[in-house]
Amino acid sequence: MTGWNYRVIKTSDNESSVIYQIIEVYFDDDGAIEYWSAKPDAVAGEDLEGLKDDLLHQLEALDKPVLAEHDDGGRVVLVETGSE
């Protein structure tokens, strides 16, 4: 694994309900998505400055392509959803 960042994931529990959440996404050495957090991340920090830094990093996710889970032959992968 070479790194991670926060990303927006688009989820749906049915056809009419869509929710956007911020999760952690981890990448392999080639930059491909290796795995991701199962639950959205809460903003956290050991002090107010740390809280601010975490919030700013999460806001950067809004400038990246939105991701969604996709069944790829029985294997769940994250894919870009296109422009939102």
Protein backbone atom coordinates (compact mmCIF):
# COMPACT_ATOMS: atom_id res chain seq x y z
CA MET A 1 0.00 0.00 0.00
CA THR A 2 1.40 3.39 -0.93
CA GLY A 3 -1.18 5.77 0.44
CA TRP A 4 -4.72 6.75 1.16
CA ASN A 5 -7.04 9.71 0.97
CA TYR A 6 -10.58 10.67 1.76
CA ARG A 7 -13.11 10.14 -1.03
CA VAL A 8 -16.83 10.64 -1.50
CA ILE A 9 -18.78 7.42 -2.00
CA LYS A 10 -22.30 7.33 -3.39
CA THR A 11 -24.44 4.66 -1.75
CA SER A 12 -28.03 3.58 -2.14
CA ASP A 13 -30.25 1.26 -0.15
CA ASN A 14 -32.90 1.31 -2.87
CA GLU A 15 -33.65 2.98 -6.18
CA SER A 16 -35.00 6.21 -4.66
CA SER A 17 -32.59 6.81 -1.76
CA VAL A 18 -29.05 8.01 -2.46
CA ILE A 19 -26.55 9.03 0.23
CA TYR A 20 -23.10 10.57 -0.21
CA GLN A 21 -20.51 9.83 2.47
CA ILE A 22 -16.80 10.46 3.02
CA ILE A 23 -14.67 7.35 3.51
CA GLU A 24 -10.98 6.44 3.58
CA VAL A 25 -9.70 4.82 0.38
CA TYR A 26 -6.36 2.97 0.28
CA PHE A 27 -4.25 2.51 -2.85
CA ASP A 28 -1.66 -0.08 -3.92
CA ASP A 29 1.78 0.70 -5.36
CA ASP A 30 0.27 1.20 -8.83
CA GLY A 31 -2.36 3.69 -7.58
CA ALA A 32 -5.24 1.22 -7.90
CA ILE A 33 -7.82 1.10 -5.12
CA GLU A 34 -6.89 -1.73 -2.78
CA TYR A 35 -9.53 -1.36 -0.05
CA TRP A 36 -11.73 1.19 1.70
CA SER A 37 -13.38 1.83 5.04
CA ALA A 38 -16.77 0.21 5.55
CA LYS A 39 -18.23 3.17 7.42
CA PRO A 40 -18.02 6.92 6.87
CA ASP A 41 -15.37 8.77 8.82
CA ALA A 42 -16.15 11.22 11.57
CA VAL A 43 -14.07 14.38 11.72
CA ALA A 44 -11.59 13.96 14.58
CA GLY A 45 -8.47 15.46 16.05
CA GLU A 46 -6.43 15.43 19.25
CA ASP A 47 -6.94 19.20 19.54
CA LEU A 48 -8.79 21.94 17.65
CA GLU A 49 -5.97 22.32 15.11
CA GLY A 50 -5.98 18.57 14.45
CA LEU A 51 -9.76 18.68 14.08
CA LYS A 52 -9.46 21.53 11.59
CA ASP A 53 -6.76 19.70 9.60
CA ASP A 54 -8.88 16.54 9.39
CA LEU A 55 -11.91 18.53 8.25
CA LEU A 56 -9.87 20.29 5.56
CA HIS A 57 -8.56 16.94 4.28
CA GLN A 58 -12.10 15.58 4.15
CA LEU A 59 -13.25 18.66 2.21
CA GLU A 60 -10.58 17.87 -0.43
CA ALA A 61 -12.61 14.73 -1.24
CA LEU A 62 -15.25 16.97 -2.79
CA ASP A 63 -12.78 17.93 -5.54
CA LYS A 64 -12.14 14.30 -6.56
CA PRO A 65 -14.39 12.01 -8.64
CA VAL A 66 -17.24 10.41 -6.69
CA LEU A 67 -16.93 6.64 -6.20
CA ALA A 68 -19.54 3.88 -5.92
CA GLU A 69 -19.38 0.18 -5.11
CA HIS A 70 -19.83 -2.08 -8.13
CA ASP A 71 -20.18 -5.86 -8.35
CA ASP A 72 -17.47 -7.07 -10.72
CA GLY A 73 -18.33 -10.75 -11.15
CA GLY A 74 -18.84 -11.43 -7.45
CA ARG A 75 -16.05 -9.10 -6.33
CA VAL A 76 -17.02 -5.66 -5.03
CA VAL A 77 -14.86 -2.83 -6.39
CA LEU A 78 -15.02 0.96 -6.26
CA VAL A 79 -15.53 2.77 -9.55
CA GLU A 80 -15.82 6.41 -10.51
CA THR A 81 -19.44 7.40 -11.09
CA GLY A 82 -18.70 10.19 -13.54
CA SER A 83 -19.63 13.80 -12.98
CA GLU A 84 -22.06 14.47 -10.18
